[in-house]
Amino acid sequence: MPNSSKRRGRSSTLVFEKWNYVLLLIGVLLITVGFTAMYIENVYKGFISLYVSPILIIGGYAEIIYALLWSPSDEDVPQDA
């Protein structure tokens, strides 16, 4: 019975680099801070819950999209000699 779970002929490189994970973490933190501020300020209908929180949340989602689409340029990738 063939073992189809083994990867043959593929390199063991990661899909994302460290910078991608940092950007993803920043995006998740922006979304968390935005929703938390919206929840805290929801009782008073203040400036933060109406204007700042939606900007933080949209910025967080934009950061996540950027982190998923970002790839290093050819100059950034070290060449194996």
Protein backbone atom coordinates (compact mmCIF):
# COMPACT_ATOMS: atom_id res chain seq x y z
CA MET A 1 0.00 0.00 0.00
CA PRO A 2 1.61 3.31 -1.05
CA ASN A 3 2.20 5.92 1.57
CA SER A 4 0.76 9.11 0.10
CA SER A 5 1.52 11.24 3.15
CA LYS A 6 5.25 11.44 2.36
CA ARG A 7 6.41 14.40 0.36
CA ARG A 8 8.67 13.38 -2.45
CA GLY A 9 10.76 15.89 -4.31
CA ARG A 10 9.43 18.89 -2.40
CA SER A 11 11.57 21.30 -0.47
CA SER A 12 10.85 21.85 3.20
CA THR A 13 10.50 25.62 3.01
CA LEU A 14 7.85 27.42 4.97
CA VAL A 15 5.02 29.18 3.21
CA PHE A 16 5.38 32.35 5.28
CA GLU A 17 8.41 34.06 6.72
CA LYS A 18 8.84 35.57 10.16
CA TRP A 19 7.77 39.00 8.90
CA ASN A 20 4.45 37.59 7.66
CA TYR A 21 3.68 36.23 11.11
CA VAL A 22 4.60 39.55 12.73
CA LEU A 23 2.21 41.37 10.39
CA LEU A 24 -0.53 38.82 11.10
CA LEU A 25 -0.05 39.30 14.84
CA ILE A 26 -0.25 43.08 14.48
CA GLY A 27 -3.49 42.73 12.49
CA VAL A 28 -5.06 40.44 15.08
CA LEU A 29 -4.03 42.82 17.87
CA LEU A 30 -5.58 45.79 16.03
CA ILE A 31 -8.85 43.90 15.59
CA THR A 32 -8.86 42.81 19.24
CA VAL A 33 -8.17 46.34 20.50
CA GLY A 34 -10.86 47.75 18.19
CA PHE A 35 -13.56 45.35 19.33
CA THR A 36 -12.54 45.75 22.98
CA ALA A 37 -12.70 49.53 22.76
CA MET A 38 -16.06 49.30 21.02
CA TYR A 39 -17.39 47.03 23.74
CA ILE A 40 -16.12 49.22 26.58
CA GLU A 41 -17.38 52.46 25.05
CA ASN A 42 -20.68 50.96 23.86
CA VAL A 43 -22.49 52.00 27.02
CA TYR A 44 -21.71 55.69 26.60
CA LYS A 45 -21.82 55.94 22.77
CA GLY A 46 -18.60 57.89 22.85
CA PHE A 47 -16.18 59.09 20.23
CA ILE A 48 -13.97 56.02 20.47
CA SER A 49 -16.72 53.47 19.83
CA LEU A 50 -18.18 55.44 16.92
CA TYR A 51 -15.06 56.59 15.08
CA VAL A 52 -11.81 55.10 16.35
CA SER A 53 -12.85 51.46 16.81
CA PRO A 54 -14.15 50.91 13.25
CA ILE A 55 -10.93 52.41 11.87
CA LEU A 56 -8.85 50.07 14.04
CA ILE A 57 -10.90 47.05 12.96
CA ILE A 58 -10.72 47.86 9.24
CA GLY A 59 -7.00 48.58 9.62
CA GLY A 60 -6.53 45.20 11.30
CA TYR A 61 -8.27 43.36 8.48
CA ALA A 62 -6.24 45.31 5.91
CA GLU A 63 -3.05 44.38 7.78
CA ILE A 64 -3.98 40.70 7.71
CA ILE A 65 -4.69 40.81 3.98
CA TYR A 66 -1.36 42.55 3.41
CA ALA A 67 0.44 39.94 5.55
CA LEU A 68 -1.09 37.11 3.54
CA LEU A 69 -0.18 38.65 0.19
CA TRP A 70 3.30 39.96 1.07
CA SER A 71 6.26 38.04 -0.29
CA PRO A 72 9.93 39.04 -0.20
CA SER A 73 11.53 40.49 -3.28
CA ASP A 74 14.41 38.74 -5.01
CA GLU A 75 16.93 41.08 -3.37
CA ASP A 76 15.73 40.13 0.13
CA VAL A 77 16.05 36.37 -0.37
CA PRO A 78 19.54 35.07 0.49
CA GLN A 79 21.12 33.08 -2.32
CA ASP A 80 22.71 29.71 -1.55
CA ALA A 81 26.23 29.70 -2.97
